[in-house]
């Protein structure tokens, strides 16, 4: 089980990304627009840098929904390999057959 602080920190980041998404996309569009002059683009970059760092989508870490584990994450099931194996062995995941011999 992952530390609760790490899980909560990631949840906070997800909330901030949703909150600042439209502002961030508008500012990035202005900053990357080649038709505008340099001063407007630079001003957009400055405003973009004033936004909270955790409002950037790349700072979100994929974590297991069951245990909060950050590594060996499968996107389709949204859980780690360990949780997937345990739940698959118990027969709780439809369509998953754990092989054993």
PDB file of N, CA and C in Angstrom:
ATOM      1  N   UNK A   1       0.845  -1.180   0.000  1.00  0.00           N
ATOM      2  CA  UNK A   1       0.000   0.000   0.000  1.00  0.00           C
ATOM      3  C   UNK A   1       0.894   1.248   0.000  1.00  0.00           C
ATOM      4  N   UNK A   2       0.561   2.158  -0.855  1.00  0.00           N
ATOM      5  CA  UNK A   2       1.332   3.400  -0.958  1.00  0.00           C
ATOM      6  C   UNK A   2       0.987   4.330   0.204  1.00  0.00           C
ATOM      7  N   UNK A   3       1.859   5.301   0.435  1.00  0.00           N
ATOM      8  CA  UNK A   3       1.601   6.278   1.488  1.00  0.00           C
ATOM      9  C   UNK A   3       0.363   7.093   1.133  1.00  0.00           C
ATOM     10  N   UNK A   4      -0.442   7.363   2.126  1.00  0.00           N
ATOM     11  CA  UNK A   4      -1.671   8.124   1.895  1.00  0.00           C
ATOM     12  C   UNK A   4      -1.371   9.533   1.400  1.00  0.00           C
ATOM     13  N   UNK A   5      -0.255  10.095   1.848  1.00  0.00           N
ATOM     14  CA  UNK A   5       0.091  11.448   1.417  1.00  0.00           C
ATOM     15  C   UNK A   5       0.379  11.486  -0.085  1.00  0.00           C
ATOM     16  N   UNK A   6       1.017  10.442  -0.616  1.00  0.00           N
ATOM     17  CA  UNK A   6       1.307  10.391  -2.046  1.00  0.00           C
ATOM     18  C   UNK A   6       0.032  10.257  -2.865  1.00  0.00           C
ATOM     19  N   UNK A   7      -0.886   9.454  -2.378  1.00  0.00           N
ATOM     20  CA  UNK A   7      -2.160   9.262  -3.076  1.00  0.00           C
ATOM     21  C   UNK A   7      -2.952  10.559  -3.068  1.00  0.00           C
ATOM     22  N   UNK A   8      -3.010  11.225  -1.921  1.00  0.00           N
ATOM     23  CA  UNK A   8      -3.757  12.481  -1.810  1.00  0.00           C
ATOM     24  C   UNK A   8      -3.107  13.594  -2.633  1.00  0.00           C
ATOM     25  N   UNK A   9      -1.778  13.610  -2.685  1.00  0.00           N
ATOM     26  CA  UNK A   9      -1.071  14.605  -3.483  1.00  0.00           C
ATOM     27  C   UNK A   9      -1.428  14.449  -4.958  1.00  0.00           C
ATOM     28  N   UNK A  10      -1.517  13.196  -5.417  1.00  0.00           N
ATOM     29  CA  UNK A  10      -1.876  12.934  -6.804  1.00  0.00           C
ATOM     30  C   UNK A  10      -3.327  13.334  -7.081  1.00  0.00           C
ATOM     31  N   UNK A  11      -4.221  13.091  -6.127  1.00  0.00           N
ATOM     32  CA  UNK A  11      -5.622  13.493  -6.287  1.00  0.00           C
ATOM     33  C   UNK A  11      -5.733  15.014  -6.381  1.00  0.00           C
ATOM     34  N   UNK A  12      -4.933  15.704  -5.585  1.00  0.00           N
ATOM     35  CA  UNK A  12      -4.922  17.168  -5.623  1.00  0.00           C
ATOM     36  C   UNK A  12      -4.434  17.670  -6.980  1.00  0.00           C
ATOM     37  N   UNK A  13      -3.424  17.005  -7.533  1.00  0.00           N
ATOM     38  CA  UNK A  13      -2.918  17.375  -8.848  1.00  0.00           C
ATOM     39  C   UNK A  13      -3.985  17.181  -9.921  1.00  0.00           C
ATOM     40  N   UNK A  14      -4.726  16.085  -9.842  1.00  0.00           N
ATOM     41  CA  UNK A  14      -5.800  15.822 -10.809  1.00  0.00           C
ATOM     42  C   UNK A  14      -6.851  16.920 -10.740  1.00  0.00           C
ATOM     43  N   UNK A  15      -7.177  17.350  -9.517  1.00  0.00           N
ATOM     44  CA  UNK A  15      -8.160  18.420  -9.340  1.00  0.00           C
ATOM     45  C   UNK A  15      -7.657  19.739  -9.932  1.00  0.00           C
ATOM     46  N   UNK A  16      -6.383  20.053  -9.709  1.00  0.00           N
ATOM     47  CA  UNK A  16      -5.814  21.285 -10.247  1.00  0.00           C
ATOM     48  C   UNK A  16      -5.736  21.269 -11.773  1.00  0.00           C
ATOM     49  N   UNK A  17      -5.436  20.125 -12.348  1.00  0.00           N
ATOM     50  CA  UNK A  17      -5.370  20.026 -13.812  1.00  0.00           C
ATOM     51  C   UNK A  17      -6.734  20.332 -14.411  1.00  0.00           C
ATOM     52  N   UNK A  18      -7.793  19.783 -13.817  1.00  0.00           N
ATOM     53  CA  UNK A  18      -9.146  20.048 -14.309  1.00  0.00           C
ATOM     54  C   UNK A  18      -9.513  21.519 -14.142  1.00  0.00           C
ATOM     55  N   UNK A  19      -9.102  22.095 -13.028  1.00  0.00           N
ATOM     56  CA  UNK A  19      -9.455  23.487 -12.721  1.00  0.00           C
ATOM     57  C   UNK A  19      -8.796  24.464 -13.690  1.00  0.00           C
ATOM     58  N   UNK A  20      -7.531  24.242 -14.044  1.00  0.00           N
ATOM     59  CA  UNK A  20      -6.770  25.188 -14.862  1.00  0.00           C
ATOM     60  C   UNK A  20      -6.659  24.773 -16.329  1.00  0.00           C
ATOM     61  N   UNK A  21      -7.366  23.739 -16.751  1.00  0.00           N
ATOM     62  CA  UNK A  21      -7.191  23.202 -18.105  1.00  0.00           C
ATOM     63  C   UNK A  21      -7.506  24.225 -19.189  1.00  0.00           C
ATOM     64  N   UNK A  22      -8.628  24.925 -19.074  1.00  0.00           N
ATOM     65  CA  UNK A  22      -8.997  25.862 -20.141  1.00  0.00           C
ATOM     66  C   UNK A  22      -8.042  27.057 -20.191  1.00  0.00           C
ATOM     67  N   UNK A  23      -7.640  27.578 -19.028  1.00  0.00           N
ATOM     68  CA  UNK A  23      -6.682  28.684 -18.989  1.00  0.00           C
ATOM     69  C   UNK A  23      -5.351  28.299 -19.618  1.00  0.00           C
ATOM     70  N   UNK A  24      -4.897  27.109 -19.255  1.00  0.00           N
ATOM     71  CA  UNK A  24      -3.609  26.625 -19.745  1.00  0.00           C
ATOM     72  C   UNK A  24      -3.643  26.432 -21.261  1.00  0.00           C
ATOM     73  N   UNK A  25      -4.727  25.869 -21.801  1.00  0.00           N
ATOM     74  CA  UNK A  25      -4.800  25.653 -23.251  1.00  0.00           C
ATOM     75  C   UNK A  25      -4.868  26.983 -24.003  1.00  0.00           C
ATOM     76  N   UNK A  26      -5.618  27.967 -23.454  1.00  0.00           N
ATOM     77  CA  UNK A  26      -5.688  29.282 -24.103  1.00  0.00           C
ATOM     78  C   UNK A  26      -4.317  29.950 -24.149  1.00  0.00           C
ATOM     79  N   UNK A  27      -3.612  29.938 -23.018  1.00  0.00           N
ATOM     80  CA  UNK A  27      -2.299  30.578 -22.951  1.00  0.00           C
ATOM     81  C   UNK A  27      -1.281  29.868 -23.839  1.00  0.00           C
ATOM     82  N   UNK A  28      -1.349  28.542 -23.898  1.00  0.00           N
ATOM     83  CA  UNK A  28      -0.416  27.805 -24.754  1.00  0.00           C
ATOM     84  C   UNK A  28      -0.683  28.081 -26.220  1.00  0.00           C
ATOM     85  N   UNK A  29      -1.970  28.243 -26.576  1.00  0.00           N
ATOM     86  CA  UNK A  29      -2.302  28.558 -27.972  1.00  0.00           C
ATOM     87  C   UNK A  29      -1.750  29.926 -28.360  1.00  0.00           C
ATOM     88  N   UNK A  30      -1.865  30.894 -27.457  1.00  0.00           N
ATOM     89  CA  UNK A  30      -1.329  32.231 -27.727  1.00  0.00           C
ATOM     90  C   UNK A  30       0.194  32.186 -27.811  1.00  0.00           C
ATOM     91  N   UNK A  31       0.820  31.477 -26.889  1.00  0.00           N
ATOM     92  CA  UNK A  31       2.286  31.423 -26.840  1.00  0.00           C
ATOM     93  C   UNK A  31       2.878  30.721 -28.059  1.00  0.00           C
ATOM     94  N   UNK A  32       2.154  29.791 -28.645  1.00  0.00           N
ATOM     95  CA  UNK A  32       2.679  29.039 -29.792  1.00  0.00           C
ATOM     96  C   UNK A  32       2.212  29.589 -31.135  1.00  0.00           C
ATOM     97  N   UNK A  33       1.395  30.649 -31.129  1.00  0.00           N
ATOM     98  CA  UNK A  33       0.871  31.225 -32.365  1.00  0.00           C
ATOM     99  C   UNK A  33       1.956  32.069 -33.047  1.00  0.00           C
ATOM    100  N   UNK A  34       2.400  31.631 -34.197  1.00  0.00           N
ATOM    101  CA  UNK A  34       3.485  32.308 -34.914  1.00  0.00           C
ATOM    102  C   UNK A  34       3.044  33.650 -35.513  1.00  0.00           C
ATOM    103  N   UNK A  35       1.734  33.838 -35.717  1.00  0.00           N
ATOM    104  CA  UNK A  35       1.262  35.069 -36.357  1.00  0.00           C
ATOM    105  C   UNK A  35       1.291  36.267 -35.405  1.00  0.00           C
ATOM    106  N   UNK A  36       1.311  36.019 -34.099  1.00  0.00           N
ATOM    107  CA  UNK A  36       1.360  37.115 -33.123  1.00  0.00           C
ATOM    108  C   UNK A  36       2.793  37.624 -32.977  1.00  0.00           C
ATOM    109  N   UNK A  37       2.908  38.868 -32.471  1.00  0.00           N
ATOM    110  CA  UNK A  37       4.264  39.401 -32.286  1.00  0.00           C
ATOM    111  C   UNK A  37       4.901  38.814 -31.021  1.00  0.00           C
ATOM    112  N   UNK A  38       6.170  39.026 -30.876  1.00  0.00           N
ATOM    113  CA  UNK A  38       6.934  38.408 -29.793  1.00  0.00           C
ATOM    114  C   UNK A  38       6.526  38.834 -28.408  1.00  0.00           C
ATOM    115  N   UNK A  39       6.100  40.100 -28.258  1.00  0.00           N
ATOM    116  CA  UNK A  39       5.732  40.596 -26.924  1.00  0.00           C
ATOM    117  C   UNK A  39       4.482  39.908 -26.392  1.00  0.00           C
ATOM    118  N   UNK A  40       3.483  39.723 -27.252  1.00  0.00           N
ATOM    119  CA  UNK A  40       2.250  39.047 -26.822  1.00  0.00           C
ATOM    120  C   UNK A  40       2.525  37.592 -26.459  1.00  0.00           C
ATOM    121  N   UNK A  41       3.355  36.950 -27.267  1.00  0.00           N
ATOM    122  CA  UNK A  41       3.693  35.554 -26.993  1.00  0.00           C
ATOM    123  C   UNK A  41       4.483  35.430 -25.690  1.00  0.00           C
ATOM    124  N   UNK A  42       5.391  36.360 -25.464  1.00  0.00           N
ATOM    125  CA  UNK A  42       6.190  36.338 -24.237  1.00  0.00           C
ATOM    126  C   UNK A  42       5.314  36.596 -23.012  1.00  0.00           C
ATOM    127  N   UNK A  43       4.346  37.513 -23.143  1.00  0.00           N
ATOM    128  CA  UNK A  43       3.419  37.790 -22.040  1.00  0.00           C
ATOM    129  C   UNK A  43       2.591  36.547 -21.709  1.00  0.00           C
ATOM    130  N   UNK A  44       2.190  35.816 -22.743  1.00  0.00           N
ATOM    131  CA  UNK A  44       1.436  34.579 -22.513  1.00  0.00           C
ATOM    132  C   UNK A  44       2.298  33.547 -21.804  1.00  0.00           C
ATOM    133  N   UNK A  45       3.578  33.487 -22.179  1.00  0.00           N
ATOM    134  CA  UNK A  45       4.498  32.551 -21.503  1.00  0.00           C
ATOM    135  C   UNK A  45       4.672  32.921 -20.026  1.00  0.00           C
ATOM    136  N   UNK A  46       4.741  34.218 -19.741  1.00  0.00           N
ATOM    137  CA  UNK A  46       4.877  34.650 -18.342  1.00  0.00           C
ATOM    138  C   UNK A  46       3.638  34.292 -17.533  1.00  0.00           C
ATOM    139  N   UNK A  47       2.464  34.500 -18.108  1.00  0.00           N
ATOM    140  CA  UNK A  47       1.227  34.139 -17.411  1.00  0.00           C
ATOM    141  C   UNK A  47       1.136  32.629 -17.220  1.00  0.00           C
ATOM    142  N   UNK A  48       1.620  31.903 -18.205  1.00  0.00           N
ATOM    143  CA  UNK A  48       1.627  30.441 -18.112  1.00  0.00           C
ATOM    144  C   UNK A  48       2.536  29.978 -16.978  1.00  0.00           C
ATOM    145  N   UNK A  49       3.642  30.664 -16.797  1.00  0.00           N
ATOM    146  CA  UNK A  49       4.564  30.282 -15.724  1.00  0.00           C
ATOM    147  C   UNK A  49       4.043  30.672 -14.344  1.00  0.00           C
ATOM    148  N   UNK A  50       3.076  31.577 -14.289  1.00  0.00           N
ATOM    149  CA  UNK A  50       2.494  31.967 -12.999  1.00  0.00           C
ATOM    150  C   UNK A  50       1.460  30.967 -12.501  1.00  0.00           C
ATOM    151  N   UNK A  51       0.969  30.096 -13.391  1.00  0.00           N
ATOM    152  CA  UNK A  51       0.017  29.069 -12.968  1.00  0.00           C
ATOM    153  C   UNK A  51       0.722  28.075 -12.048  1.00  0.00           C
ATOM    154  N   UNK A  52      -0.028  27.409 -11.171  1.00  0.00           N
ATOM    155  CA  UNK A  52       0.604  26.424 -10.289  1.00  0.00           C
ATOM    156  C   UNK A  52       1.269  25.296 -11.080  1.00  0.00           C
ATOM    157  N   UNK A  53       2.401  24.852 -10.611  1.00  0.00           N
ATOM    158  CA  UNK A  53       3.123  23.773 -11.299  1.00  0.00           C
ATOM    159  C   UNK A  53       2.294  22.502 -11.365  1.00  0.00           C
ATOM    160  N   UNK A  54       1.560  22.218 -10.309  1.00  0.00           N
ATOM    161  CA  UNK A  54       0.779  20.987 -10.261  1.00  0.00           C
ATOM    162  C   UNK A  54      -0.454  21.033 -11.145  1.00  0.00           C
ATOM    163  N   UNK A  55      -0.689  22.143 -11.827  1.00  0.00           N
ATOM    164  CA  UNK A  55      -1.826  22.205 -12.746  1.00  0.00           C
ATOM    165  C   UNK A  55      -1.447  21.708 -14.132  1.00  0.00           C
ATOM    166  N   UNK A  56      -0.226  21.256 -14.303  1.00  0.00           N
ATOM    167  CA  UNK A  56       0.215  20.685 -15.559  1.00  0.00           C
ATOM    168  C   UNK A  56      -0.095  19.188 -15.575  1.00  0.00           C
ATOM    169  N   UNK A  57      -0.624  18.709 -16.689  1.00  0.00           N
ATOM    170  CA  UNK A  57      -1.067  17.312 -16.776  1.00  0.00           C
ATOM    171  C   UNK A  57       0.085  16.312 -16.695  1.00  0.00           C
ATOM    172  N   UNK A  58       1.292  16.725 -17.052  1.00  0.00           N
ATOM    173  CA  UNK A  58       2.406  15.779 -17.032  1.00  0.00           C
ATOM    174  C   UNK A  58       2.851  15.430 -15.611  1.00  0.00           C
ATOM    175  N   UNK A  59       2.380  16.163 -14.633  1.00  0.00           N
ATOM    176  CA  UNK A  59       2.772  15.885 -13.245  1.00  0.00           C
ATOM    177  C   UNK A  59       1.887  14.840 -12.578  1.00  0.00           C
ATOM    178  N   UNK A  60       0.824  14.414 -13.263  1.00  0.00           N
ATOM    179  CA  UNK A  60      -0.055  13.377 -12.714  1.00  0.00           C
ATOM    180  C   UNK A  60       0.625  12.025 -12.877  1.00  0.00           C
ATOM    181  N   UNK A  61       0.605  11.245 -11.824  1.00  0.00           N
ATOM    182  CA  UNK A  61       1.212   9.922 -11.835  1.00  0.00           C
ATOM    183  C   UNK A  61       0.106   8.880 -11.909  1.00  0.00           C
ATOM    184  N   UNK A  62       0.235   7.909 -12.827  1.00  0.00           N
ATOM    185  CA  UNK A  62      -0.726   6.815 -12.882  1.00  0.00           C
ATOM    186  C   UNK A  62      -0.534   5.943 -11.646  1.00  0.00           C
ATOM    187  N   UNK A  63      -1.608   5.767 -10.893  1.00  0.00           N
ATOM    188  CA  UNK A  63      -1.537   4.962  -9.683  1.00  0.00           C
ATOM    189  C   UNK A  63      -2.631   3.905  -9.687  1.00  0.00           C
ATOM    190  N   UNK A  64      -2.349   2.796  -9.039  1.00  0.00           N
ATOM    191  CA  UNK A  64      -3.301   1.695  -8.917  1.00  0.00           C
ATOM    192  C   UNK A  64      -4.524   2.158  -8.125  1.00  0.00           C
ATOM    193  N   UNK A  65      -5.719   1.827  -8.630  1.00  0.00           N
ATOM    194  CA  UNK A  65      -6.955   2.204  -7.946  1.00  0.00           C
ATOM    195  C   UNK A  65      -7.133   1.415  -6.643  1.00  0.00           C
ATOM    196  N   UNK A  66      -6.561   0.216  -6.590  1.00  0.00           N
ATOM    197  CA  UNK A  66      -6.733  -0.648  -5.425  1.00  0.00           C
ATOM    198  C   UNK A  66      -5.733  -0.316  -4.328  1.00  0.00           C
ATOM    199  N   UNK A  67      -4.442  -0.274  -4.693  1.00  0.00           N
ATOM    200  CA  UNK A  67      -3.401  -0.130  -3.676  1.00  0.00           C
ATOM    201  C   UNK A  67      -2.683   1.215  -3.708  1.00  0.00           C
ATOM    202  N   UNK A  68      -2.805   1.969  -4.788  1.00  0.00           N
ATOM    203  CA  UNK A  68      -2.095   3.236  -4.905  1.00  0.00           C
ATOM    204  C   UNK A  68      -0.664   3.085  -5.390  1.00  0.00           C
ATOM    205  N   UNK A  69      -0.290   1.875  -5.801  1.00  0.00           N
ATOM    206  CA  UNK A  69       1.080   1.610  -6.244  1.00  0.00           C
ATOM    207  C   UNK A  69       1.366   2.367  -7.535  1.00  0.00           C
ATOM    208  N   UNK A  70       2.511   3.075  -7.624  1.00  0.00           N
ATOM    209  CA  UNK A  70       2.783   3.888  -8.805  1.00  0.00           C
ATOM    210  C   UNK A  70       3.453   3.143  -9.957  1.00  0.00           C
ATOM    211  N   UNK A  71       3.962   1.956  -9.726  1.00  0.00           N
ATOM    212  CA  UNK A  71       4.712   1.248 -10.765  1.00  0.00           C
ATOM    213  C   UNK A  71       3.944   0.019 -11.242  1.00  0.00           C
ATOM    214  N   UNK A  72       4.317  -0.462 -12.430  1.00  0.00           N
ATOM    215  CA  UNK A  72       3.691  -1.635 -13.057  1.00  0.00           C
ATOM    216  C   UNK A  72       2.187  -1.424 -13.184  1.00  0.00           C
ATOM    217  N   UNK A  73       1.804  -0.267 -13.704  1.00  0.00           N
ATOM    218  CA  UNK A  73       0.413   0.135 -13.848  1.00  0.00           C
ATOM    219  C   UNK A  73      -0.108  -0.291 -15.215  1.00  0.00           C
ATOM    220  N   UNK A  74      -1.252  -0.984 -15.251  1.00  0.00           N
ATOM    221  CA  UNK A  74      -1.886  -1.322 -16.526  1.00  0.00           C
ATOM    222  C   UNK A  74      -3.018  -0.338 -16.759  1.00  0.00           C
ATOM    223  N   UNK A  75      -2.994   0.325 -17.907  1.00  0.00           N
ATOM    224  CA  UNK A  75      -3.974   1.368 -18.178  1.00  0.00           C
ATOM    225  C   UNK A  75      -5.375   0.817 -18.371  1.00  0.00           C
ATOM    226  N   UNK A  76      -5.473  -0.334 -18.976  1.00  0.00           N
ATOM    227  CA  UNK A  76      -6.788  -0.897 -19.273  1.00  0.00           C
ATOM    228  C   UNK A  76      -7.573  -1.207 -17.997  1.00  0.00           C
ATOM    229  N   UNK A  77      -6.906  -1.761 -17.010  1.00  0.00           N
ATOM    230  CA  UNK A  77      -7.561  -2.141 -15.762  1.00  0.00           C
ATOM    231  C   UNK A  77      -7.421  -1.083 -14.670  1.00  0.00           C
ATOM    232  N   UNK A  78      -6.516  -0.127 -14.861  1.00  0.00           N
ATOM    233  CA  UNK A  78      -6.228   0.913 -13.882  1.00  0.00           C
ATOM    234  C   UNK A  78      -5.782   0.340 -12.544  1.00  0.00           C
ATOM    235  N   UNK A  79      -4.953  -0.688 -12.615  1.00  0.00           N
ATOM    236  CA  UNK A  79      -4.382  -1.246 -11.394  1.00  0.00           C
ATOM    237  C   UNK A  79      -3.009  -1.825 -11.665  1.00  0.00           C
ATOM    238  N   UNK A  80      -2.285  -2.078 -10.592  1.00  0.00           N
ATOM    239  CA  UNK A  80      -0.927  -2.596 -10.732  1.00  0.00           C
ATOM    240  C   UNK A  80      -0.960  -4.093 -11.012  1.00  0.00           C
ATOM    241  N   UNK A  81       0.180  -4.617 -11.403  1.00  0.00           N
ATOM    242  CA  UNK A  81       0.262  -6.040 -11.742  1.00  0.00           C
ATOM    243  C   UNK A  81      -0.029  -6.927 -10.538  1.00  0.00           C
ATOM    244  N   UNK A  82       0.338  -6.450  -9.351  1.00  0.00           N
ATOM    245  CA  UNK A  82       0.136  -7.249  -8.145  1.00  0.00           C
ATOM    246  C   UNK A  82      -1.350  -7.344  -7.799  1.00  0.00           C
ATOM    247  N   UNK A  83      -2.043  -6.198  -7.835  1.00  0.00           N
ATOM    248  CA  UNK A  83      -3.476  -6.190  -7.554  1.00  0.00           C
ATOM    249  C   UNK A  83      -4.234  -6.968  -8.625  1.00  0.00           C
ATOM    250  N   UNK A  84      -3.787  -6.841  -9.878  1.00  0.00           N
ATOM    251  CA  UNK A  84      -4.423  -7.555 -10.973  1.00  0.00           C
ATOM    252  C   UNK A  84      -4.289  -9.064 -10.773  1.00  0.00           C
ATOM    253  N   UNK A  85      -3.136  -9.503 -10.358  1.00  0.00           N
ATOM    254  CA  UNK A  85      -2.905 -10.935 -10.126  1.00  0.00           C
ATOM    255  C   UNK A  85      -3.760 -11.455  -8.977  1.00  0.00           C
ATOM    256  N   UNK A  86      -3.806 -10.696  -7.883  1.00  0.00           N
ATOM    257  CA  UNK A  86      -4.595 -11.138  -6.727  1.00  0.00           C
ATOM    258  C   UNK A  86      -6.083 -11.222  -7.052  1.00  0.00           C
ATOM    259  N   UNK A  87      -6.614 -10.181  -7.668  1.00  0.00           N
ATOM    260  CA  UNK A  87      -8.038 -10.178  -8.001  1.00  0.00           C
ATOM    261  C   UNK A  87      -8.362 -11.194  -9.091  1.00  0.00           C
ATOM    262  N   UNK A  88      -7.418 -11.407 -10.018  1.00  0.00           N
ATOM    263  CA  UNK A  88      -7.619 -12.418 -11.053  1.00  0.00           C
ATOM    264  C   UNK A  88      -7.627 -13.819 -10.486  1.00  0.00           C
ATOM    265  N   UNK A  89      -6.803 -14.075  -9.497  1.00  0.00           N
ATOM    266  CA  UNK A  89      -6.761 -15.395  -8.858  1.00  0.00           C
ATOM    267  C   UNK A  89      -8.038 -15.672  -8.083  1.00  0.00           C
ATOM    268  N   UNK A  90      -8.645 -14.624  -7.544  1.00  0.00           N
ATOM    269  CA  UNK A  90      -9.896 -14.782  -6.797  1.00  0.00           C
ATOM    270  C   UNK A  90     -11.106 -14.854  -7.721  1.00  0.00           C
ATOM    271  N   UNK A  91     -10.888 -14.572  -9.018  1.00  0.00           N
ATOM    272  CA  UNK A  91     -11.980 -14.626  -9.980  1.00  0.00           C
ATOM    273  C   UNK A  91     -12.865 -13.391  -9.963  1.00  0.00           C
ATOM    274  N   UNK A  92     -12.335 -12.273  -9.506  1.00  0.00           N
ATOM    275  CA  UNK A  92     -13.134 -11.054  -9.398  1.00  0.00           C
ATOM    276  C   UNK A  92     -13.074 -10.173 -10.640  1.00  0.00           C
ATOM    277  N   UNK A  93     -12.210 -10.515 -11.596  1.00  0.00           N
ATOM    278  CA  UNK A  93     -12.105  -9.718 -12.817  1.00  0.00           C
ATOM    279  C   UNK A  93     -12.714 -10.541 -13.960  1.00  0.00           C
ATOM    280  N   UNK A  94     -13.832 -10.071 -14.533  1.00  0.00           N
ATOM    281  CA  UNK A  94     -14.475 -10.850 -15.594  1.00  0.00           C
ATOM    282  C   UNK A  94     -13.585 -10.948 -16.840  1.00  0.00           C
ATOM    283  N   UNK A  95     -13.527 -12.151 -17.398  1.00  0.00           N
ATOM    284  CA  UNK A  95     -12.764 -12.364 -18.613  1.00  0.00           C
ATOM    285  C   UNK A  95     -11.295 -12.658 -18.385  1.00  0.00           C
ATOM    286  N   UNK A  96     -10.818 -12.567 -17.173  1.00  0.00           N
ATOM    287  CA  UNK A  96      -9.401 -12.841 -16.878  1.00  0.00           C
ATOM    288  C   UNK A  96      -9.264 -14.221 -16.275  1.00  0.00           C
ATOM    289  N   UNK A  97      -8.444 -15.049 -16.925  1.00  0.00           N
ATOM    290  CA  UNK A  97      -8.210 -16.388 -16.409  1.00  0.00           C
ATOM    291  C   UNK A  97      -6.737 -16.488 -16.065  1.00  0.00           C
ATOM    292  N   UNK A  98      -6.463 -16.682 -14.799  1.00  0.00           N
ATOM    293  CA  UNK A  98      -5.073 -16.812 -14.349  1.00  0.00           C
ATOM    294  C   UNK A  98      -4.633 -18.249 -14.573  1.00  0.00           C
ATOM    295  N   UNK A  99      -3.533 -18.380 -15.302  1.00  0.00           N
ATOM    296  CA  UNK A  99      -3.045 -19.729 -15.572  1.00  0.00           C
ATOM    297  C   UNK A  99      -2.258 -20.241 -14.374  1.00  0.00           C
ATOM    298  N   UNK A 100      -2.401 -21.522 -14.112  1.00  0.00           N
ATOM    299  CA  UNK A 100      -1.615 -22.166 -13.057  1.00  0.00           C
ATOM    300  C   UNK A 100      -1.414 -23.617 -13.461  1.00  0.00           C
ATOM    301  N   UNK A 101      -0.222 -24.139 -13.216  1.00  0.00           N
ATOM    302  CA  UNK A 101       0.063 -25.526 -13.561  1.00  0.00           C
ATOM    303  C   UNK A 101       0.978 -26.155 -12.583  1.00  0.00           C
TER     304      UNK A 101
END
